[in-house]
Amino acid sequence: MVNIRKLFIFTIFVVTFSGIIKQAFSAQQVWMRGNYRIVFEESDSLLVKQLFRKIEQPLKKLENFFNGDAGRVVTIIITKSEEEYKRRTRGVLPEWSQAAAFTNQGLVILRLVEAREVRESPQILLHELTHIFLADYYPLGRIPVWLNEGMAEYFSGKTLDLQSRVRLANALAAKKIVDLRNIDSLHSFKRFQAQLAYTEALSAVDYFVGRYGLAGLKSLLNNLAQYRSYQTAFKKTTGHDFIDFELNWYQELVNRYRWLIVLNIDNLIWITMALLALAAIWAIHRRNRRRLKEWEEDDADNSIDSDKWGEE
């Protein structure tokens, strides 16, 4: 009986002590970096410092583009569980989202649960901060979603890598390229369609900057803020309307990425099988020719032997 009481008291002590330790390690800390207020668990202090060290240079480029840092304090909350992320974002975002920018509140919620999310966190944070900047400097509703998301991808340092290009090539082949204006429905897209939409938005911004430079992009934003019409804003900036821009961008996709369809994994399998079949046919043909040659040489030797016997 005494041993049971001791065991019971010891169990209560362990549970209580564990709770205190957990609470101590999960205590929230606040770190100010200029106009950025970062809220995180004490145990993640090293991760947060590394995160801001990695975004320091690209963040300066973002601030320079907008002629200074955010005009208000931006709060960044680091969440370490799916439950906390859903609670903080009020569960209104699609299941594929990893972060959210609440521009009215100057708030960014960043989820860091998996190793992949931690690895991608610098780009994700820069992406969301770009949304904050755009909302602060330009009227809401004047910036189309494709441009908003494309700029967020562009200033996060995202590039059109091989995987992105193959994605565009597959969409071209399947005739599933989403019109830029239809990207306005991004949050209702499934994961794969959303990935394609983000890639398209980045490629469109990348194409625009390639033709008109960052100064042209800034001019486009100013014109979109001043004029409600896409057509007028593009005409004022580029001398062409938006329809011309989209048609030219689409043709650029066709010219640059259509051939990459061969890198699709299914196509690679079929191409590999075809090459193996050709290699097998060539090997059999070569083997048959070698055997035929050997038989011809044997027949020639036999003919010589026969002639010798005939002479005798």
Protein backbone atom coordinates (compact mmCIF):
# COMPACT_ATOMS: atom_id res chain seq x y z
CA MET A 1 0.00 0.00 0.00
CA VAL A 2 2.86 2.35 0.89
CA ASN A 3 4.60 1.54 -2.40
CA ILE A 4 1.42 2.35 -4.34
CA ARG A 5 1.16 5.72 -2.60
CA LYS A 6 4.79 6.50 -3.38
CA LEU A 7 4.31 5.49 -6.99
CA PHE A 8 1.20 7.68 -7.24
CA ILE A 9 3.00 10.70 -5.76
CA PHE A 10 6.01 10.14 -8.02
CA THR A 11 3.75 9.95 -11.11
CA ILE A 12 2.04 13.24 -10.21
CA PHE A 13 5.45 14.85 -9.69
CA VAL A 14 6.74 13.66 -13.08
CA VAL A 15 3.63 14.81 -14.94
CA THR A 16 3.66 18.22 -13.23
CA PHE A 17 7.38 18.71 -13.72
CA SER A 18 7.13 17.71 -17.41
CA GLY A 19 4.36 20.25 -17.92
CA ILE A 20 6.47 23.00 -16.33
CA ILE A 21 9.47 22.10 -18.49
CA LYS A 22 7.34 22.03 -21.64
CA GLN A 23 5.78 25.39 -20.78
CA ALA A 24 9.21 26.87 -20.13
CA PHE A 25 10.55 25.70 -23.47
CA SER A 26 7.43 26.72 -25.37
CA ALA A 27 7.28 30.20 -23.82
CA GLN A 28 6.79 32.77 -26.53
CA GLN A 29 9.42 35.37 -27.23
CA VAL A 30 9.21 38.59 -29.24
CA TRP A 31 12.13 39.85 -31.28
CA MET A 32 12.15 43.21 -33.07
CA ARG A 33 14.14 43.68 -36.24
CA GLY A 34 13.47 47.16 -37.62
CA ASN A 35 9.77 47.27 -38.42
CA TYR A 36 9.40 43.50 -38.11
CA ARG A 37 8.09 41.96 -34.92
CA ILE A 38 8.69 38.20 -34.76
CA VAL A 39 6.77 36.02 -32.30
CA PHE A 40 8.16 32.52 -31.71
CA GLU A 41 8.78 29.84 -29.12
CA GLU A 42 11.94 30.27 -27.08
CA SER A 43 13.26 26.92 -28.28
CA ASP A 44 13.18 28.22 -31.88
CA SER A 45 15.34 31.31 -31.31
CA LEU A 46 18.27 29.91 -33.30
CA LEU A 47 15.97 28.91 -36.20
CA VAL A 48 14.48 32.44 -36.32
CA LYS A 49 17.91 34.09 -36.32
CA GLN A 50 19.03 31.84 -39.16
CA LEU A 51 15.82 32.60 -41.04
CA PHE A 52 16.37 36.35 -40.89
CA ARG A 53 20.04 35.98 -41.73
CA LYS A 54 19.04 34.18 -44.94
CA ILE A 55 16.47 36.78 -46.00
CA GLU A 56 18.56 39.84 -45.09
CA GLN A 57 19.88 40.60 -48.60
CA PRO A 58 16.73 39.78 -50.63
CA LEU A 59 14.66 41.73 -48.08
CA LYS A 60 16.82 44.80 -48.75
CA LYS A 61 16.13 44.40 -52.48
CA LEU A 62 12.41 44.19 -51.74
CA GLU A 63 12.55 47.30 -49.54
CA ASN A 64 14.57 49.19 -52.16
CA PHE A 65 11.98 48.41 -54.81
CA PHE A 66 9.29 49.93 -52.58
CA ASN A 67 11.56 52.84 -51.55
CA GLY A 68 11.89 51.80 -47.91
CA ASP A 69 10.69 49.27 -45.37
CA ALA A 70 7.06 48.62 -44.55
CA GLY A 71 5.31 51.78 -43.40
CA ARG A 72 4.14 50.06 -40.22
CA VAL A 73 5.19 47.31 -37.84
CA VAL A 74 4.67 43.89 -39.44
CA THR A 75 4.08 41.01 -37.03
CA ILE A 76 5.39 37.58 -38.04
CA ILE A 77 4.13 34.62 -36.00
CA ILE A 78 5.97 31.31 -36.28
CA THR A 79 3.69 28.31 -35.71
CA LYS A 80 5.06 24.82 -35.03
CA SER A 81 1.94 22.68 -35.42
CA GLU A 82 -0.87 22.22 -37.92
CA GLU A 83 -3.43 22.89 -35.15
CA GLU A 84 -1.88 26.22 -34.18
CA TYR A 85 -1.56 27.27 -37.82
CA LYS A 86 -5.24 26.54 -38.49
CA ARG A 87 -6.24 28.37 -35.31
CA ARG A 88 -4.14 31.43 -36.17
CA THR A 89 -5.42 31.55 -39.77
CA ARG A 90 -8.99 30.78 -38.65
CA GLY A 91 -9.05 27.75 -40.96
CA VAL A 92 -10.00 29.80 -44.03
CA LEU A 93 -7.02 28.84 -46.20
CA PRO A 94 -6.66 25.86 -48.58
CA GLU A 95 -4.94 22.74 -47.25
CA TRP A 96 -1.84 23.33 -49.41
CA SER A 97 -1.00 26.71 -47.86
CA GLN A 98 2.09 27.06 -45.66
CA ALA A 99 1.78 30.75 -44.79
CA ALA A 100 -0.69 33.61 -44.88
CA ALA A 101 -0.49 37.38 -45.03
CA PHE A 102 -3.33 39.30 -43.40
CA THR A 103 -2.58 42.62 -45.05
CA ASN A 104 -5.17 44.67 -43.14
CA GLN A 105 -3.54 43.68 -39.85
CA GLY A 106 0.05 43.72 -41.08
CA LEU A 107 0.30 40.10 -39.96
CA VAL A 108 2.12 37.08 -41.40
CA ILE A 109 1.50 33.54 -40.11
CA LEU A 110 4.24 31.09 -41.03
CA ARG A 111 3.97 27.33 -40.46
CA LEU A 112 7.20 25.42 -39.78
CA VAL A 113 6.23 21.83 -39.04
CA GLU A 114 8.06 19.65 -41.57
CA ALA A 115 11.74 19.77 -42.55
CA ARG A 116 10.71 20.86 -46.05
CA GLU A 117 8.79 23.82 -44.64
CA VAL A 118 11.80 24.91 -42.58
CA ARG A 119 14.03 24.60 -45.65
CA GLU A 120 11.65 26.69 -47.78
CA SER A 121 10.82 29.21 -45.04
CA PRO A 122 13.07 32.07 -46.30
CA GLN A 123 11.33 32.12 -49.68
CA ILE A 124 7.88 31.67 -48.12
CA LEU A 125 8.41 34.55 -45.68
CA LEU A 126 9.67 36.88 -48.42
CA HIS A 127 6.65 35.89 -50.52
CA GLU A 128 4.23 36.93 -47.78
CA LEU A 129 6.13 40.14 -46.97
CA THR A 130 5.80 41.14 -50.64
CA HIS A 131 2.01 40.91 -50.23
CA ILE A 132 2.26 43.23 -47.21
CA PHE A 133 4.31 45.76 -49.17
CA LEU A 134 1.93 45.69 -52.14
CA ALA A 135 -1.06 46.22 -49.85
CA ASP A 136 0.66 49.16 -48.11
CA TYR A 137 1.75 50.97 -51.25
CA TYR A 138 -1.10 50.26 -53.67
CA PRO A 139 -4.90 50.20 -53.31
CA LEU A 140 -6.41 46.80 -52.58
CA GLY A 141 -8.24 45.36 -55.56
CA ARG A 142 -6.22 47.33 -58.10
CA ILE A 143 -3.43 44.74 -58.31
CA PRO A 144 -4.61 41.56 -60.11
CA VAL A 145 -3.94 38.26 -58.33
CA TRP A 146 -1.56 36.94 -61.01
CA LEU A 147 0.62 40.06 -60.66
CA ASN A 148 0.40 40.03 -56.86
CA GLU A 149 1.39 36.36 -56.63
CA GLY A 150 3.89 36.61 -59.48
CA MET A 151 5.70 39.49 -57.77
CA ALA A 152 5.63 37.63 -54.45
CA GLU A 153 7.28 34.64 -56.14
CA TYR A 154 9.75 36.89 -58.01
CA PHE A 155 10.91 38.84 -54.94
CA SER A 156 11.12 35.68 -52.85
CA GLY A 157 13.95 34.57 -55.12
CA LYS A 158 11.94 31.83 -56.78
CA THR A 159 13.14 30.94 -60.27
CA LEU A 160 11.76 28.89 -63.13
CA ASP A 161 13.74 25.75 -62.41
CA LEU A 162 13.56 22.59 -64.52
CA GLN A 163 10.60 21.22 -62.56
CA SER A 164 8.65 24.46 -63.11
CA ARG A 165 9.44 24.47 -66.82
CA VAL A 166 8.34 20.87 -67.22
CA ARG A 167 5.12 21.77 -65.39
CA LEU A 168 4.49 24.53 -67.93
CA ALA A 169 5.34 22.18 -70.81
CA ASN A 170 2.87 19.57 -69.56
CA ALA A 171 0.15 22.21 -69.18
CA LEU A 172 0.81 23.47 -72.71
CA ALA A 173 0.59 19.95 -74.14
CA ALA A 174 -2.64 19.24 -72.23
CA LYS A 175 -4.06 22.70 -73.08
CA LYS A 176 -4.49 23.43 -69.37
CA ILE A 177 -2.70 26.77 -69.12
CA VAL A 178 -4.86 28.99 -66.89
CA ASP A 179 -5.70 32.44 -68.25
CA LEU A 180 -3.96 35.05 -66.09
CA ARG A 181 -7.25 36.66 -65.08
CA ASN A 182 -8.64 33.30 -63.94
CA ILE A 183 -5.86 33.05 -61.36
CA ASP A 184 -8.08 35.36 -59.29
CA SER A 185 -9.75 32.13 -58.06
CA LEU A 186 -6.43 30.77 -56.75
CA HIS A 187 -7.63 29.92 -53.24
CA SER A 188 -10.28 27.59 -54.64
CA PHE A 189 -7.72 25.63 -56.69
CA LYS A 190 -6.53 22.14 -55.84
CA ARG A 191 -2.85 21.69 -54.99
CA PHE A 192 -1.64 20.78 -58.51
CA GLN A 193 -3.65 23.55 -60.19
CA ALA A 194 -2.39 26.03 -57.58
CA GLN A 195 1.22 25.01 -58.28
CA LEU A 196 0.64 25.65 -61.97
CA ALA A 197 -0.99 29.03 -61.24
CA TYR A 198 1.97 30.15 -59.12
CA THR A 199 4.38 29.02 -61.83
CA GLU A 200 2.41 30.86 -64.51
CA ALA A 201 2.28 34.03 -62.39
CA LEU A 202 6.04 33.92 -61.84
CA SER A 203 6.70 33.31 -65.55
CA ALA A 204 4.45 36.25 -66.51
CA VAL A 205 6.24 38.64 -64.13
CA ASP A 206 9.61 37.26 -65.21
CA TYR A 207 8.62 37.83 -68.85
CA PHE A 208 7.45 41.39 -68.08
CA VAL A 209 10.68 42.29 -66.24
CA GLY A 210 12.71 40.75 -69.07
CA ARG A 211 11.05 43.09 -71.57
CA TYR A 212 10.50 46.27 -69.54
CA GLY A 213 12.81 45.97 -66.52
CA LEU A 214 12.06 46.62 -62.85
CA ALA A 215 11.42 50.28 -63.66
CA GLY A 216 8.70 49.17 -66.06
CA LEU A 217 7.21 46.93 -63.37
CA LYS A 218 7.13 49.85 -60.93
CA SER A 219 5.51 52.02 -63.60
CA LEU A 220 2.87 49.33 -64.21
CA LEU A 221 2.02 49.22 -60.50
CA ASN A 222 1.69 53.00 -60.38
CA ASN A 223 -0.59 52.98 -63.43
CA LEU A 224 -2.70 50.14 -62.01
CA ALA A 225 -3.08 52.20 -58.82
CA GLN A 226 -4.13 55.25 -60.83
CA TYR A 227 -6.37 53.62 -63.44
CA ARG A 228 -8.97 50.95 -62.78
CA SER A 229 -8.67 49.47 -66.26
CA TYR A 230 -6.13 46.76 -67.07
CA GLN A 231 -6.09 47.97 -70.63
CA THR A 232 -5.32 51.59 -69.74
CA ALA A 233 -2.60 50.67 -67.25
CA PHE A 234 -0.82 48.37 -69.71
CA LYS A 235 -1.23 50.85 -72.54
CA LYS A 236 0.28 53.64 -70.45
CA THR A 237 3.19 51.41 -69.39
CA THR A 238 4.05 49.37 -72.46
CA GLY A 239 2.25 50.97 -75.38
CA HIS A 240 0.18 47.77 -75.73
CA ASP A 241 -2.95 46.56 -73.96
CA PHE A 242 -3.17 43.61 -71.57
CA ILE A 243 -4.52 41.21 -74.22
CA ASP A 244 -1.42 41.79 -76.35
CA PHE A 245 0.79 41.20 -73.31
CA GLU A 246 -0.93 37.92 -72.44
CA LEU A 247 -0.80 36.66 -76.04
CA ASN A 248 2.92 37.49 -76.28
CA TRP A 249 3.60 35.85 -72.92
CA TYR A 250 1.75 32.70 -74.00
CA GLN A 251 3.72 32.54 -77.25
CA GLU A 252 6.91 32.86 -75.21
CA LEU A 253 5.84 29.84 -73.16
CA VAL A 254 5.27 27.85 -76.34
CA ASN A 255 8.60 28.85 -77.84
CA ARG A 256 10.67 28.20 -74.74
CA TYR A 257 9.05 25.26 -72.97
CA ARG A 258 6.98 23.18 -75.39
CA TRP A 259 9.86 20.80 -76.18
CA LEU A 260 10.35 19.99 -72.47
CA ILE A 261 7.32 17.71 -72.66
CA VAL A 262 9.83 14.93 -73.38
CA LEU A 263 11.06 15.27 -69.77
CA ASN A 264 7.68 14.29 -68.37
CA ILE A 265 8.24 11.11 -66.30
CA ASP A 266 5.60 9.15 -68.25
CA ASN A 267 7.14 10.22 -71.53
CA LEU A 268 10.60 9.34 -70.26
CA ILE A 269 9.39 5.83 -69.46
CA TRP A 270 7.97 5.35 -72.97
CA ILE A 271 11.03 6.90 -74.60
CA THR A 272 13.30 4.67 -72.52
CA MET A 273 11.28 1.60 -73.46
CA ALA A 274 11.44 2.57 -77.14
CA LEU A 275 15.20 3.10 -76.96
CA LEU A 276 15.65 -0.24 -75.20
CA ALA A 277 13.55 -1.93 -77.88
CA LEU A 278 15.63 -0.30 -80.63
CA ALA A 279 18.82 -1.31 -78.84
CA ALA A 280 17.56 -4.91 -78.59
CA ILE A 281 16.64 -4.97 -82.31
CA TRP A 282 20.07 -3.54 -83.22
CA ALA A 283 21.83 -6.11 -80.99
CA ILE A 284 19.87 -8.99 -82.56
CA HIS A 285 20.55 -7.66 -86.06
CA ARG A 286 24.26 -7.35 -85.27
CA ARG A 287 24.36 -10.86 -83.80
CA ASN A 288 22.59 -12.31 -86.87
CA ARG A 289 25.00 -10.58 -89.23
CA ARG A 290 27.95 -11.92 -87.25
CA ARG A 291 26.54 -15.47 -87.37
CA LEU A 292 25.81 -15.15 -91.10
CA LYS A 293 29.38 -14.04 -91.67
CA GLU A 294 30.68 -16.98 -89.63
CA TRP A 295 28.54 -19.39 -91.66
CA GLU A 296 29.78 -17.87 -94.93
CA GLU A 297 33.38 -18.25 -93.74
CA ASP A 298 32.70 -21.90 -92.75
CA ASP A 299 31.14 -22.56 -96.18
CA ALA A 300 34.19 -21.01 -97.86
CA ASP A 301 36.56 -23.19 -95.78
CA ASN A 302 34.53 -26.30 -96.60
CA SER A 303 34.62 -25.39 -100.29
CA ILE A 304 38.45 -25.08 -100.20
CA ASP A 305 38.75 -28.44 -98.45
CA SER A 306 36.51 -30.04 -101.06
CA ASP A 307 38.62 -28.62 -103.86
CA LYS A 308 41.77 -30.02 -102.26
CA TRP A 309 40.24 -33.51 -102.02
CA GLY A 310 39.19 -33.24 -105.65
CA GLU A 311 42.72 -32.44 -106.74
CA GLU A 312 44.10 -35.47 -104.98
